[in-house]
Amino acid sequence: MALILFNKPYGVLCQFTDESTGPKRPTLADYIKRPGVYPAGRLDLDSEGLLLLTDDGQLQARIANPRYKTPKTYLTQVEGDPQPGALESLRRGVKLKDGMTLPAEVKRIDPPADLWPRDPPVRFRKSVPDCWLQLTIREGRNRQVRRMTAAVGLPTLRLIRWQIADWTLDGIAPGEWREI
């Protein structure tokens, strides 16, 4: 069984081919030259961080299927200064167009000191504060973290998945991967 921990850079598709008719975008094939592995879950084009790939279909389903409630932890830079009520809403679950989310674990954190710069950089506005949150969810709806933070008045500026279950990005630079 193969399990690969990949630090997906911003702007990379979570698939091995780009079927769009426009300009070709970077894909997993540009980084991972290991046949027979497939992503267990997805990250949006504009999200970064931990993506697990495996050749084990059962493990892939266990990681990606929401019924297993695998915890996924994100570091998210949000626009605004979160008030206790906004964070409490995330902890209780947020009503989205596709229904209530499960409760999230959330806390405000200091800006991560050893985080790589994003290319392109996040837009900075002197008149609008921003901060970092650590958010753990146990679902995997489409753009869920971004929709949850927006629903409580804190639009996401940068989103990095740091951990899935016990696997983390520790020691893996953007575009790099490690097989375990």
Protein backbone atom coordinates (compact mmCIF):
# COMPACT_ATOMS: atom_id res chain seq x y z
CA MET A 1 0.00 0.00 0.00
CA ALA A 2 1.25 3.47 -0.89
CA LEU A 3 0.30 6.63 0.99
CA ILE A 4 1.67 9.96 -0.21
CA LEU A 5 1.48 13.23 1.71
CA PHE A 6 1.63 16.09 -0.80
CA ASN A 7 1.79 19.82 -0.07
CA LYS A 8 -0.40 21.12 -2.90
CA PRO A 9 0.58 24.62 -3.97
CA TYR A 10 -1.96 27.34 -4.75
CA GLY A 11 -3.25 27.04 -8.33
CA VAL A 12 -2.65 23.30 -8.80
CA LEU A 13 -5.56 21.06 -9.85
CA CYS A 14 -6.27 18.03 -7.63
CA GLN A 15 -6.22 15.68 -10.60
CA PHE A 16 -3.62 14.28 -12.95
CA THR A 17 -5.02 15.83 -16.16
CA ASP A 18 -6.53 19.19 -17.06
CA GLU A 19 -9.56 18.72 -19.28
CA SER A 20 -10.33 22.42 -19.66
CA THR A 21 -10.27 23.94 -23.13
CA GLY A 22 -8.46 27.05 -21.93
CA PRO A 23 -4.82 27.46 -21.03
CA LYS A 24 -3.38 24.38 -19.35
CA ARG A 25 -3.10 24.57 -15.58
CA PRO A 26 -0.65 22.71 -13.34
CA THR A 27 -1.89 19.29 -12.18
CA LEU A 28 -0.73 16.55 -9.81
CA ALA A 29 1.16 15.00 -12.75
CA ASP A 30 3.52 17.99 -12.72
CA TYR A 31 4.62 17.03 -9.19
CA ILE A 32 3.99 13.33 -8.56
CA LYS A 33 5.58 10.76 -10.86
CA ARG A 34 4.16 7.72 -9.08
CA PRO A 35 1.71 5.61 -11.10
CA GLY A 36 -1.39 4.08 -9.55
CA VAL A 37 -2.08 6.61 -6.78
CA TYR A 38 -5.18 8.75 -6.58
CA PRO A 39 -6.24 11.66 -4.34
CA ALA A 40 -8.28 10.83 -1.24
CA GLY A 41 -10.41 13.96 -1.29
CA ARG A 42 -9.83 17.27 -2.99
CA LEU A 43 -8.57 20.79 -2.43
CA ASP A 44 -9.82 23.70 -4.48
CA LEU A 45 -7.55 25.37 -7.03
CA ASP A 46 -7.21 28.39 -4.71
CA SER A 47 -6.51 26.32 -1.57
CA GLU A 48 -3.15 24.97 -0.46
CA GLY A 49 -1.84 22.26 1.75
CA LEU A 50 -2.12 18.60 2.61
CA LEU A 51 -3.48 16.24 -0.02
CA LEU A 52 -3.29 12.49 0.57
CA LEU A 53 -2.87 10.12 -2.37
CA THR A 54 -3.07 6.35 -2.17
CA ASP A 55 -3.38 3.19 -4.23
CA ASP A 56 -5.65 1.63 -1.59
CA GLY A 57 -9.33 2.12 -2.49
CA GLN A 58 -10.56 1.30 1.03
CA LEU A 59 -8.21 3.84 2.61
CA GLN A 60 -9.17 6.40 -0.03
CA ALA A 61 -12.87 5.94 0.82
CA ARG A 62 -12.21 6.06 4.57
CA ILE A 63 -10.37 9.38 4.25
CA ALA A 64 -12.71 11.03 1.74
CA ASN A 65 -16.17 9.71 2.66
CA PRO A 66 -17.99 12.12 5.02
CA ARG A 67 -19.67 9.28 6.91
CA TYR A 68 -16.33 8.46 8.58
CA LYS A 69 -16.05 12.06 9.91
CA THR A 70 -12.28 12.15 9.44
CA PRO A 71 -10.99 15.36 11.08
CA LYS A 72 -9.38 17.86 8.73
CA THR A 73 -7.59 20.88 10.21
CA TYR A 74 -7.13 24.11 8.28
CA LEU A 75 -5.18 27.29 8.89
CA THR A 76 -7.24 30.09 7.44
CA GLN A 77 -6.48 33.76 7.09
CA VAL A 78 -9.74 35.66 7.28
CA GLU A 79 -10.71 39.25 6.63
CA GLY A 80 -11.99 40.99 9.72
CA ASP A 81 -11.59 40.72 13.47
CA PRO A 82 -13.59 37.72 14.70
CA GLN A 83 -15.91 38.46 17.58
CA PRO A 84 -16.73 35.72 20.11
CA GLY A 85 -20.21 35.28 18.60
CA ALA A 86 -18.80 34.48 15.15
CA LEU A 87 -16.46 31.85 16.56
CA GLU A 88 -19.27 30.39 18.68
CA SER A 89 -21.44 30.11 15.55
CA LEU A 90 -18.71 28.05 13.87
CA ARG A 91 -18.48 25.86 16.98
CA ARG A 92 -22.24 25.18 16.92
CA GLY A 93 -22.50 24.64 13.16
CA VAL A 94 -23.41 27.10 10.45
CA LYS A 95 -26.47 27.11 8.22
CA LEU A 96 -25.40 27.01 4.58
CA LYS A 97 -27.53 26.72 1.44
CA ASP A 98 -27.04 22.93 1.53
CA GLY A 99 -27.97 22.64 5.23
CA MET A 100 -26.36 22.87 8.64
CA THR A 101 -22.71 21.98 9.02
CA LEU A 102 -21.47 19.83 11.84
CA PRO A 103 -19.89 21.79 14.69
CA ALA A 104 -16.30 22.86 14.03
CA GLU A 105 -13.42 23.24 16.43
CA VAL A 106 -12.08 26.76 16.00
CA LYS A 107 -9.63 29.07 17.69
CA ARG A 108 -7.85 32.27 16.83
CA ILE A 109 -4.11 31.77 16.37
CA ASP A 110 -1.07 33.95 15.81
CA PRO A 111 0.02 34.24 12.18
CA PRO A 112 1.99 31.06 11.44
CA ALA A 113 5.67 32.03 11.72
CA ASP A 114 7.17 29.44 9.38
CA LEU A 115 4.53 29.54 6.66
CA TRP A 116 5.72 29.82 3.08
CA PRO A 117 4.73 32.91 1.05
CA ARG A 118 1.84 32.40 -1.34
CA ASP A 119 2.24 33.04 -5.05
CA PRO A 120 0.38 35.22 -5.88
CA PRO A 121 0.39 37.00 -2.53
CA VAL A 122 -2.82 37.56 -0.59
CA ARG A 123 -4.19 41.05 -1.17
CA PHE A 124 -3.43 43.38 1.72
CA ARG A 125 -5.62 46.34 2.68
CA LYS A 126 -4.38 48.75 5.33
CA SER A 127 -7.91 49.70 6.37
CA VAL A 128 -9.24 46.14 6.81
CA PRO A 129 -7.89 43.92 9.59
CA ASP A 130 -7.26 40.24 9.11
CA CYS A 131 -6.39 37.35 11.39
CA TRP A 132 -5.68 33.62 11.40
CA LEU A 133 -7.94 30.83 12.61
CA GLN A 134 -7.31 27.15 13.12
CA LEU A 135 -10.46 25.30 12.12
CA THR A 136 -11.16 21.55 12.27
CA ILE A 137 -14.13 20.06 10.44
CA ARG A 138 -15.37 16.49 10.05
CA GLU A 139 -17.17 16.85 6.73
CA GLY A 140 -15.95 17.73 3.28
CA ARG A 141 -18.55 19.75 1.45
CA ASN A 142 -17.60 21.80 -1.56
CA ARG A 143 -15.70 24.92 -0.42
CA GLN A 144 -17.02 24.30 3.09
CA VAL A 145 -14.49 26.24 5.17
CA ARG A 146 -14.74 29.28 2.88
CA ARG A 147 -18.53 29.18 3.00
CA MET A 148 -18.57 28.74 6.80
CA THR A 149 -16.27 31.68 7.49
CA ALA A 150 -18.16 33.88 5.00
CA ALA A 151 -21.46 32.96 6.69
CA VAL A 152 -20.20 34.44 9.96
CA GLY A 153 -18.84 37.60 8.30
CA LEU A 154 -15.19 36.52 7.96
CA PRO A 155 -14.33 35.98 4.29
CA THR A 156 -11.36 33.66 3.75
CA LEU A 157 -8.27 35.21 2.19
CA ARG A 158 -5.98 32.18 2.39
CA LEU A 159 -6.78 28.55 3.16
CA ILE A 160 -4.23 25.86 4.01
CA ARG A 161 -5.17 22.32 4.98
CA TRP A 162 -2.60 21.42 7.60
CA GLN A 163 -3.75 18.05 8.87
CA ILE A 164 -5.97 15.07 7.98
CA ALA A 165 -6.47 12.65 10.89
CA ASP A 166 -2.91 12.10 12.23
CA TRP A 167 -1.09 13.09 9.01
CA THR A 168 0.34 16.64 8.84
CA LEU A 169 2.33 18.91 6.56
CA ASP A 170 5.21 19.14 9.04
CA GLY A 171 8.47 19.26 7.10
CA ILE A 172 6.88 19.15 3.61
CA ALA A 173 7.48 22.25 1.47
CA PRO A 174 4.95 23.37 -1.18
CA GLY A 175 5.16 21.13 -4.25
CA GLU A 176 7.01 18.44 -2.27
CA TRP A 177 5.71 15.03 -1.20
CA ARG A 178 6.65 12.22 1.12
CA GLU A 179 5.62 8.59 0.93
CA ILE A 180 4.89 6.82 4.21
